[in-house]
Amino acid sequence: KVFKPGFHKTRAGMSKGAAIGEVGIVTRDIRPYDKGAVRFQKPLLGDDVWESIADEEIKVGERVKVLDVEGNIFKVGRV
């Protein structure tokens, strides 16, 4: 065997539906019509930090939940 089973823990290639509902922490302020950043405990779709948008202002350190995936940007809302 070249790779150990379970060695790669990313979720690369999973459908966007599996990311919806995941909870993360805001690492860069999110403002309406401006992108911020969210860090997740485990990688989602191959990365653990994602650019995100929201309908309301969300400050650094707040917990958010993924509502939708729009291209390569997550739409999030407060938990």
PDB file of N, CA and C in Angstrom:
ATOM      1  N   LYS A   1       0.840  -1.191   0.000  1.00  0.00           N
ATOM      2  CA  LYS A   1       0.000   0.000   0.000  1.00  0.00           C
ATOM      3  C   LYS A   1       0.878   1.244   0.000  1.00  0.00           C
ATOM      4  N   VAL A   2       0.477   2.189  -0.780  1.00  0.00           N
ATOM      5  CA  VAL A   2       1.221   3.441  -0.859  1.00  0.00           C
ATOM      6  C   VAL A   2       0.739   4.412   0.218  1.00  0.00           C
ATOM      7  N   PHE A   3      -0.568   4.470   0.437  1.00  0.00           N
ATOM      8  CA  PHE A   3      -1.146   5.378   1.424  1.00  0.00           C
ATOM      9  C   PHE A   3      -1.821   4.589   2.535  1.00  0.00           C
ATOM     10  N   LYS A   4      -1.743   5.109   3.746  1.00  0.00           N
ATOM     11  CA  LYS A   4      -2.447   4.485   4.857  1.00  0.00           C
ATOM     12  C   LYS A   4      -3.929   4.822   4.757  1.00  0.00           C
ATOM     13  N   PRO A   5      -4.813   3.889   5.054  1.00  0.00           N
ATOM     14  CA  PRO A   5      -6.235   4.201   5.042  1.00  0.00           C
ATOM     15  C   PRO A   5      -6.544   5.281   6.083  1.00  0.00           C
ATOM     16  N   GLY A   6      -7.351   6.252   5.698  1.00  0.00           N
ATOM     17  CA  GLY A   6      -7.721   7.317   6.624  1.00  0.00           C
ATOM     18  C   GLY A   6      -6.670   8.382   6.800  1.00  0.00           C
ATOM     19  N   PHE A   7      -5.574   8.302   6.043  1.00  0.00           N
ATOM     20  CA  PHE A   7      -4.494   9.275   6.179  1.00  0.00           C
ATOM     21  C   PHE A   7      -4.939  10.658   5.714  1.00  0.00           C
ATOM     22  N   HIS A   8      -5.667  10.714   4.621  1.00  0.00           N
ATOM     23  CA  HIS A   8      -6.150  11.993   4.085  1.00  0.00           C
ATOM     24  C   HIS A   8      -7.529  12.286   4.656  1.00  0.00           C
ATOM     25  N   LYS A   9      -7.627  13.331   5.454  1.00  0.00           N
ATOM     26  CA  LYS A   9      -8.869  13.639   6.160  1.00  0.00           C
ATOM     27  C   LYS A   9      -9.655  14.776   5.511  1.00  0.00           C
ATOM     28  N   THR A  10      -9.273  15.243   4.329  1.00  0.00           N
ATOM     29  CA  THR A  10     -10.008  16.332   3.695  1.00  0.00           C
ATOM     30  C   THR A  10     -11.294  15.810   3.082  1.00  0.00           C
ATOM     31  N   ARG A  11     -12.177  16.725   2.765  1.00  0.00           N
ATOM     32  CA  ARG A  11     -13.438  16.363   2.144  1.00  0.00           C
ATOM     33  C   ARG A  11     -13.491  16.837   0.698  1.00  0.00           C
ATOM     34  N   ALA A  12     -12.350  16.897   0.051  1.00  0.00           N
ATOM     35  CA  ALA A  12     -12.284  17.344  -1.334  1.00  0.00           C
ATOM     36  C   ALA A  12     -13.170  16.459  -2.195  1.00  0.00           C
ATOM     37  N   GLY A  13     -13.941  17.083  -3.052  1.00  0.00           N
ATOM     38  CA  GLY A  13     -14.787  16.345  -3.962  1.00  0.00           C
ATOM     39  C   GLY A  13     -16.177  16.052  -3.427  1.00  0.00           C
ATOM     40  N   MET A  14     -16.475  16.453  -2.176  1.00  0.00           N
ATOM     41  CA  MET A  14     -17.813  16.187  -1.671  1.00  0.00           C
ATOM     42  C   MET A  14     -18.788  17.218  -2.224  1.00  0.00           C
ATOM     43  N   SER A  15     -20.060  16.924  -2.177  1.00  0.00           N
ATOM     44  CA  SER A  15     -21.059  17.832  -2.721  1.00  0.00           C
ATOM     45  C   SER A  15     -21.259  19.024  -1.793  1.00  0.00           C
ATOM     46  N   LYS A  16     -21.782  20.121  -2.353  1.00  0.00           N
ATOM     47  CA  LYS A  16     -21.971  21.319  -1.545  1.00  0.00           C
ATOM     48  C   LYS A  16     -22.988  21.090  -0.432  1.00  0.00           C
ATOM     49  N   GLY A  17     -23.902  20.162  -0.620  1.00  0.00           N
ATOM     50  CA  GLY A  17     -24.893  19.877   0.407  1.00  0.00           C
ATOM     51  C   GLY A  17     -24.286  19.391   1.704  1.00  0.00           C
ATOM     52  N   ALA A  18     -23.132  18.745   1.625  1.00  0.00           N
ATOM     53  CA  ALA A  18     -22.469  18.254   2.829  1.00  0.00           C
ATOM     54  C   ALA A  18     -21.854  19.395   3.635  1.00  0.00           C
ATOM     55  N   ALA A  19     -21.570  20.542   3.007  1.00  0.00           N
ATOM     56  CA  ALA A  19     -20.976  21.681   3.712  1.00  0.00           C
ATOM     57  C   ALA A  19     -22.042  22.514   4.420  1.00  0.00           C
ATOM     58  N   ILE A  20     -23.267  22.481   3.926  1.00  0.00           N
ATOM     59  CA  ILE A  20     -24.341  23.285   4.512  1.00  0.00           C
ATOM     60  C   ILE A  20     -24.625  22.802   5.927  1.00  0.00           C
ATOM     61  N   GLY A  21     -24.670  23.762   6.850  1.00  0.00           N
ATOM     62  CA  GLY A  21     -24.914  23.442   8.248  1.00  0.00           C
ATOM     63  C   GLY A  21     -23.658  23.361   9.093  1.00  0.00           C
ATOM     64  N   GLU A  22     -22.479  23.339   8.464  1.00  0.00           N
ATOM     65  CA  GLU A  22     -21.221  23.294   9.216  1.00  0.00           C
ATOM     66  C   GLU A  22     -21.002  24.623   9.944  1.00  0.00           C
ATOM     67  N   VAL A  23     -20.396  24.563  11.121  1.00  0.00           N
ATOM     68  CA  VAL A  23     -20.176  25.744  11.962  1.00  0.00           C
ATOM     69  C   VAL A  23     -18.696  26.098  11.977  1.00  0.00           C
ATOM     70  N   GLY A  24     -18.402  27.410  11.886  1.00  0.00           N
ATOM     71  CA  GLY A  24     -17.027  27.891  11.920  1.00  0.00           C
ATOM     72  C   GLY A  24     -16.916  29.197  12.683  1.00  0.00           C
ATOM     73  N   ILE A  25     -15.700  29.721  12.774  1.00  0.00           N
ATOM     74  CA  ILE A  25     -15.395  30.970  13.483  1.00  0.00           C
ATOM     75  C   ILE A  25     -14.940  32.015  12.470  1.00  0.00           C
ATOM     76  N   VAL A  26     -15.468  33.227  12.583  1.00  0.00           N
ATOM     77  CA  VAL A  26     -15.088  34.324  11.682  1.00  0.00           C
ATOM     78  C   VAL A  26     -13.679  34.782  12.030  1.00  0.00           C
ATOM     79  N   THR A  27     -12.795  34.834  11.006  1.00  0.00           N
ATOM     80  CA  THR A  27     -11.418  35.291  11.219  1.00  0.00           C
ATOM     81  C   THR A  27     -11.161  36.658  10.581  1.00  0.00           C
ATOM     82  N   ARG A  28     -12.055  37.119   9.715  1.00  0.00           N
ATOM     83  CA  ARG A  28     -11.984  38.459   9.123  1.00  0.00           C
ATOM     84  C   ARG A  28     -13.413  38.972   9.031  1.00  0.00           C
ATOM     85  N   ASP A  29     -13.671  40.181   9.563  1.00  0.00           N
ATOM     86  CA  ASP A  29     -15.026  40.742   9.612  1.00  0.00           C
ATOM     87  C   ASP A  29     -15.775  40.558   8.296  1.00  0.00           C
ATOM     88  N   ILE A  30     -17.055  40.197   8.417  1.00  0.00           N
ATOM     89  CA  ILE A  30     -17.938  40.067   7.260  1.00  0.00           C
ATOM     90  C   ILE A  30     -18.934  41.213   7.322  1.00  0.00           C
ATOM     91  N   ARG A  31     -19.051  41.958   6.247  1.00  0.00           N
ATOM     92  CA  ARG A  31     -20.005  43.061   6.145  1.00  0.00           C
ATOM     93  C   ARG A  31     -20.902  42.818   4.939  1.00  0.00           C
ATOM     94  N   PRO A  32     -22.117  43.375   4.962  1.00  0.00           N
ATOM     95  CA  PRO A  32     -22.969  43.218   3.775  1.00  0.00           C
ATOM     96  C   PRO A  32     -22.253  43.765   2.529  1.00  0.00           C
ATOM     97  N   TYR A  33     -22.294  43.022   1.461  1.00  0.00           N
ATOM     98  CA  TYR A  33     -21.666  43.375   0.182  1.00  0.00           C
ATOM     99  C   TYR A  33     -20.140  43.407   0.252  1.00  0.00           C
ATOM    100  N   ASP A  34     -19.541  42.772   1.262  1.00  0.00           N
ATOM    101  CA  ASP A  34     -18.088  42.697   1.395  1.00  0.00           C
ATOM    102  C   ASP A  34     -17.735  41.322   1.953  1.00  0.00           C
ATOM    103  N   LYS A  35     -16.670  40.722   1.434  1.00  0.00           N
ATOM    104  CA  LYS A  35     -16.281  39.378   1.849  1.00  0.00           C
ATOM    105  C   LYS A  35     -15.483  39.396   3.141  1.00  0.00           C
ATOM    106  N   GLY A  36     -15.653  38.343   3.921  1.00  0.00           N
ATOM    107  CA  GLY A  36     -14.862  38.107   5.113  1.00  0.00           C
ATOM    108  C   GLY A  36     -14.263  36.713   5.012  1.00  0.00           C
ATOM    109  N   ALA A  37     -13.763  36.197   6.118  1.00  0.00           N
ATOM    110  CA  ALA A  37     -13.183  34.854   6.114  1.00  0.00           C
ATOM    111  C   ALA A  37     -13.677  34.074   7.320  1.00  0.00           C
ATOM    112  N   VAL A  38     -13.865  32.772   7.114  1.00  0.00           N
ATOM    113  CA  VAL A  38     -14.318  31.878   8.176  1.00  0.00           C
ATOM    114  C   VAL A  38     -13.389  30.667   8.221  1.00  0.00           C
ATOM    115  N   ARG A  39     -12.981  30.271   9.440  1.00  0.00           N
ATOM    116  CA  ARG A  39     -12.140  29.086   9.630  1.00  0.00           C
ATOM    117  C   ARG A  39     -13.010  27.985  10.238  1.00  0.00           C
ATOM    118  N   PHE A  40     -12.876  26.785   9.646  1.00  0.00           N
ATOM    119  CA  PHE A  40     -13.621  25.631  10.123  1.00  0.00           C
ATOM    120  C   PHE A  40     -12.672  24.671  10.827  1.00  0.00           C
ATOM    121  N   GLN A  41     -13.200  23.903  11.786  1.00  0.00           N
ATOM    122  CA  GLN A  41     -12.380  22.980  12.566  1.00  0.00           C
ATOM    123  C   GLN A  41     -11.791  21.892  11.680  1.00  0.00           C
ATOM    124  N   LYS A  42     -12.569  21.407  10.709  1.00  0.00           N
ATOM    125  CA  LYS A  42     -12.073  20.400   9.777  1.00  0.00           C
ATOM    126  C   LYS A  42     -12.222  20.949   8.359  1.00  0.00           C
ATOM    127  N   PRO A  43     -11.377  20.534   7.451  1.00  0.00           N
ATOM    128  CA  PRO A  43     -11.453  21.052   6.081  1.00  0.00           C
ATOM    129  C   PRO A  43     -12.796  20.746   5.416  1.00  0.00           C
ATOM    130  N   LEU A  44     -13.350  21.763   4.759  1.00  0.00           N
ATOM    131  CA  LEU A  44     -14.575  21.607   3.979  1.00  0.00           C
ATOM    132  C   LEU A  44     -14.221  21.795   2.517  1.00  0.00           C
ATOM    133  N   LEU A  45     -14.590  20.863   1.690  1.00  0.00           N
ATOM    134  CA  LEU A  45     -14.302  20.927   0.258  1.00  0.00           C
ATOM    135  C   LEU A  45     -12.824  21.166   0.006  1.00  0.00           C
ATOM    136  N   GLY A  46     -11.959  20.638   0.874  1.00  0.00           N
ATOM    137  CA  GLY A  46     -10.524  20.690   0.653  1.00  0.00           C
ATOM    138  C   GLY A  46      -9.772  21.831   1.305  1.00  0.00           C
ATOM    139  N   ASP A  47     -10.458  22.730   2.025  1.00  0.00           N
ATOM    140  CA  ASP A  47      -9.771  23.857   2.669  1.00  0.00           C
ATOM    141  C   ASP A  47     -10.441  24.147   4.007  1.00  0.00           C
ATOM    142  N   ASP A  48      -9.685  24.686   4.973  1.00  0.00           N
ATOM    143  CA  ASP A  48     -10.283  24.978   6.277  1.00  0.00           C
ATOM    144  C   ASP A  48     -10.596  26.462   6.471  1.00  0.00           C
ATOM    145  N   VAL A  49     -10.127  27.356   5.587  1.00  0.00           N
ATOM    146  CA  VAL A  49     -10.467  28.779   5.637  1.00  0.00           C
ATOM    147  C   VAL A  49     -11.130  29.150   4.316  1.00  0.00           C
ATOM    148  N   TRP A  50     -12.313  29.772   4.413  1.00  0.00           N
ATOM    149  CA  TRP A  50     -13.082  30.128   3.214  1.00  0.00           C
ATOM    150  C   TRP A  50     -13.499  31.583   3.247  1.00  0.00           C
ATOM    151  N   GLU A  51     -13.487  32.226   2.065  1.00  0.00           N
ATOM    152  CA  GLU A  51     -14.080  33.544   1.942  1.00  0.00           C
ATOM    153  C   GLU A  51     -15.582  33.366   2.086  1.00  0.00           C
ATOM    154  N   SER A  52     -16.210  34.312   2.782  1.00  0.00           N
ATOM    155  CA  SER A  52     -17.625  34.180   3.079  1.00  0.00           C
ATOM    156  C   SER A  52     -18.331  35.518   2.966  1.00  0.00           C
ATOM    157  N   ILE A  53     -19.641  35.441   2.721  1.00  0.00           N
ATOM    158  CA  ILE A  53     -20.492  36.622   2.683  1.00  0.00           C
ATOM    159  C   ILE A  53     -21.675  36.384   3.616  1.00  0.00           C
ATOM    160  N   ALA A  54     -22.332  37.472   4.020  1.00  0.00           N
ATOM    161  CA  ALA A  54     -23.507  37.377   4.893  1.00  0.00           C
ATOM    162  C   ALA A  54     -24.410  38.573   4.618  1.00  0.00           C
ATOM    163  N   ASP A  55     -25.670  38.467   5.025  1.00  0.00           N
ATOM    164  CA  ASP A  55     -26.637  39.549   4.858  1.00  0.00           C
ATOM    165  C   ASP A  55     -26.516  40.601   5.950  1.00  0.00           C
ATOM    166  N   GLU A  56     -25.754  40.297   7.001  1.00  0.00           N
ATOM    167  CA  GLU A  56     -25.586  41.209   8.123  1.00  0.00           C
ATOM    168  C   GLU A  56     -24.105  41.294   8.495  1.00  0.00           C
ATOM    169  N   GLU A  57     -23.751  42.285   9.309  1.00  0.00           N
ATOM    170  CA  GLU A  57     -22.363  42.419   9.737  1.00  0.00           C
ATOM    171  C   GLU A  57     -22.069  41.407  10.839  1.00  0.00           C
ATOM    172  N   ILE A  58     -20.946  40.692  10.687  1.00  0.00           N
ATOM    173  CA  ILE A  58     -20.531  39.690  11.671  1.00  0.00           C
ATOM    174  C   ILE A  58     -19.067  39.954  12.002  1.00  0.00           C
ATOM    175  N   LYS A  59     -18.777  40.080  13.283  1.00  0.00           N
ATOM    176  CA  LYS A  59     -17.430  40.435  13.750  1.00  0.00           C
ATOM    177  C   LYS A  59     -16.542  39.210  13.937  1.00  0.00           C
ATOM    178  N   VAL A  60     -15.233  39.447  14.010  1.00  0.00           N
ATOM    179  CA  VAL A  60     -14.239  38.398  14.246  1.00  0.00           C
ATOM    180  C   VAL A  60     -14.538  37.697  15.573  1.00  0.00           C
ATOM    181  N   GLY A  61     -14.434  36.374  15.574  1.00  0.00           N
ATOM    182  CA  GLY A  61     -14.637  35.585  16.777  1.00  0.00           C
ATOM    183  C   GLY A  61     -16.040  35.028  16.937  1.00  0.00           C
ATOM    184  N   GLU A  62     -17.003  35.511  16.153  1.00  0.00           N
ATOM    185  CA  GLU A  62     -18.374  35.000  16.251  1.00  0.00           C
ATOM    186  C   GLU A  62     -18.497  33.678  15.507  1.00  0.00           C
ATOM    187  N   ARG A  63     -19.404  32.824  15.989  1.00  0.00           N
ATOM    188  CA  ARG A  63     -19.657  31.536  15.350  1.00  0.00           C
ATOM    189  C   ARG A  63     -20.719  31.722  14.273  1.00  0.00           C
ATOM    190  N   VAL A  64     -20.489  31.085  13.126  1.00  0.00           N
ATOM    191  CA  VAL A  64     -21.418  31.163  12.008  1.00  0.00           C
ATOM    192  C   VAL A  64     -21.694  29.766  11.453  1.00  0.00           C
ATOM    193  N   LYS A  65     -22.798  29.652  10.715  1.00  0.00           N
ATOM    194  CA  LYS A  65     -23.189  28.391  10.099  1.00  0.00           C
ATOM    195  C   LYS A  65     -23.314  28.609   8.597  1.00  0.00           C
ATOM    196  N   VAL A  66     -22.870  27.639   7.803  1.00  0.00           N
ATOM    197  CA  VAL A  66     -22.950  27.716   6.346  1.00  0.00           C
ATOM    198  C   VAL A  66     -24.413  27.559   5.923  1.00  0.00           C
ATOM    199  N   LEU A  67     -24.922  28.545   5.165  1.00  0.00           N
ATOM    200  CA  LEU A  67     -26.293  28.502   4.660  1.00  0.00           C
ATOM    201  C   LEU A  67     -26.355  28.045   3.211  1.00  0.00           C
ATOM    202  N   ASP A  68     -25.313  28.399   2.428  1.00  0.00           N
ATOM    203  CA  ASP A  68     -25.292  28.054   1.012  1.00  0.00           C
ATOM    204  C   ASP A  68     -23.857  28.166   0.497  1.00  0.00           C
ATOM    205  N   VAL A  69     -23.607  27.535  -0.636  1.00  0.00           N
ATOM    206  CA  VAL A  69     -22.303  27.630  -1.302  1.00  0.00           C
ATOM    207  C   VAL A  69     -22.558  28.272  -2.655  1.00  0.00           C
ATOM    208  N   GLU A  70     -21.945  29.437  -2.882  1.00  0.00           N
ATOM    209  CA  GLU A  70     -22.109  30.174  -4.134  1.00  0.00           C
ATOM    210  C   GLU A  70     -20.759  30.233  -4.841  1.00  0.00           C
ATOM    211  N   GLY A  71     -20.518  29.312  -5.737  1.00  0.00           N
ATOM    212  CA  GLY A  71     -19.224  29.225  -6.410  1.00  0.00           C
ATOM    213  C   GLY A  71     -18.162  28.804  -5.430  1.00  0.00           C
ATOM    214  N   ASN A  72     -17.179  29.676  -5.198  1.00  0.00           N
ATOM    215  CA  ASN A  72     -16.122  29.357  -4.238  1.00  0.00           C
ATOM    216  C   ASN A  72     -16.235  30.226  -2.983  1.00  0.00           C
ATOM    217  N   ILE A  73     -17.450  30.678  -2.680  1.00  0.00           N
ATOM    218  CA  ILE A  73     -17.724  31.517  -1.517  1.00  0.00           C
ATOM    219  C   ILE A  73     -18.858  30.889  -0.713  1.00  0.00           C
ATOM    220  N   PHE A  74     -18.710  30.863   0.613  1.00  0.00           N
ATOM    221  CA  PHE A  74     -19.780  30.368   1.481  1.00  0.00           C
ATOM    222  C   PHE A  74     -20.656  31.531   1.910  1.00  0.00           C
ATOM    223  N   LYS A  75     -21.969  31.327   1.876  1.00  0.00           N
ATOM    224  CA  LYS A  75     -22.910  32.293   2.457  1.00  0.00           C
ATOM    225  C   LYS A  75     -23.216  31.790   3.856  1.00  0.00           C
ATOM    226  N   VAL A  76     -22.982  32.645   4.867  1.00  0.00           N
ATOM    227  CA  VAL A  76     -23.094  32.223   6.257  1.00  0.00           C
ATOM    228  C   VAL A  76     -24.075  33.111   7.019  1.00  0.00           C
ATOM    229  N   GLY A  77     -24.485  32.623   8.177  1.00  0.00           N
ATOM    230  CA  GLY A  77     -25.335  33.368   9.101  1.00  0.00           C
ATOM    231  C   GLY A  77     -24.942  33.027  10.526  1.00  0.00           C
ATOM    232  N   ARG A  78     -25.325  33.902  11.476  1.00  0.00           N
ATOM    233  CA  ARG A  78     -24.996  33.654  12.887  1.00  0.00           C
ATOM    234  C   ARG A  78     -25.639  32.363  13.380  1.00  0.00           C
ATOM    235  N   VAL A  79     -24.957  31.723  14.311  1.00  0.00           N
ATOM    236  CA  VAL A  79     -25.488  30.483  14.907  1.00  0.00           C
ATOM    237  C   VAL A  79     -26.524  30.860  15.944  1.00  0.00           C
TER     238      VAL A  79
END
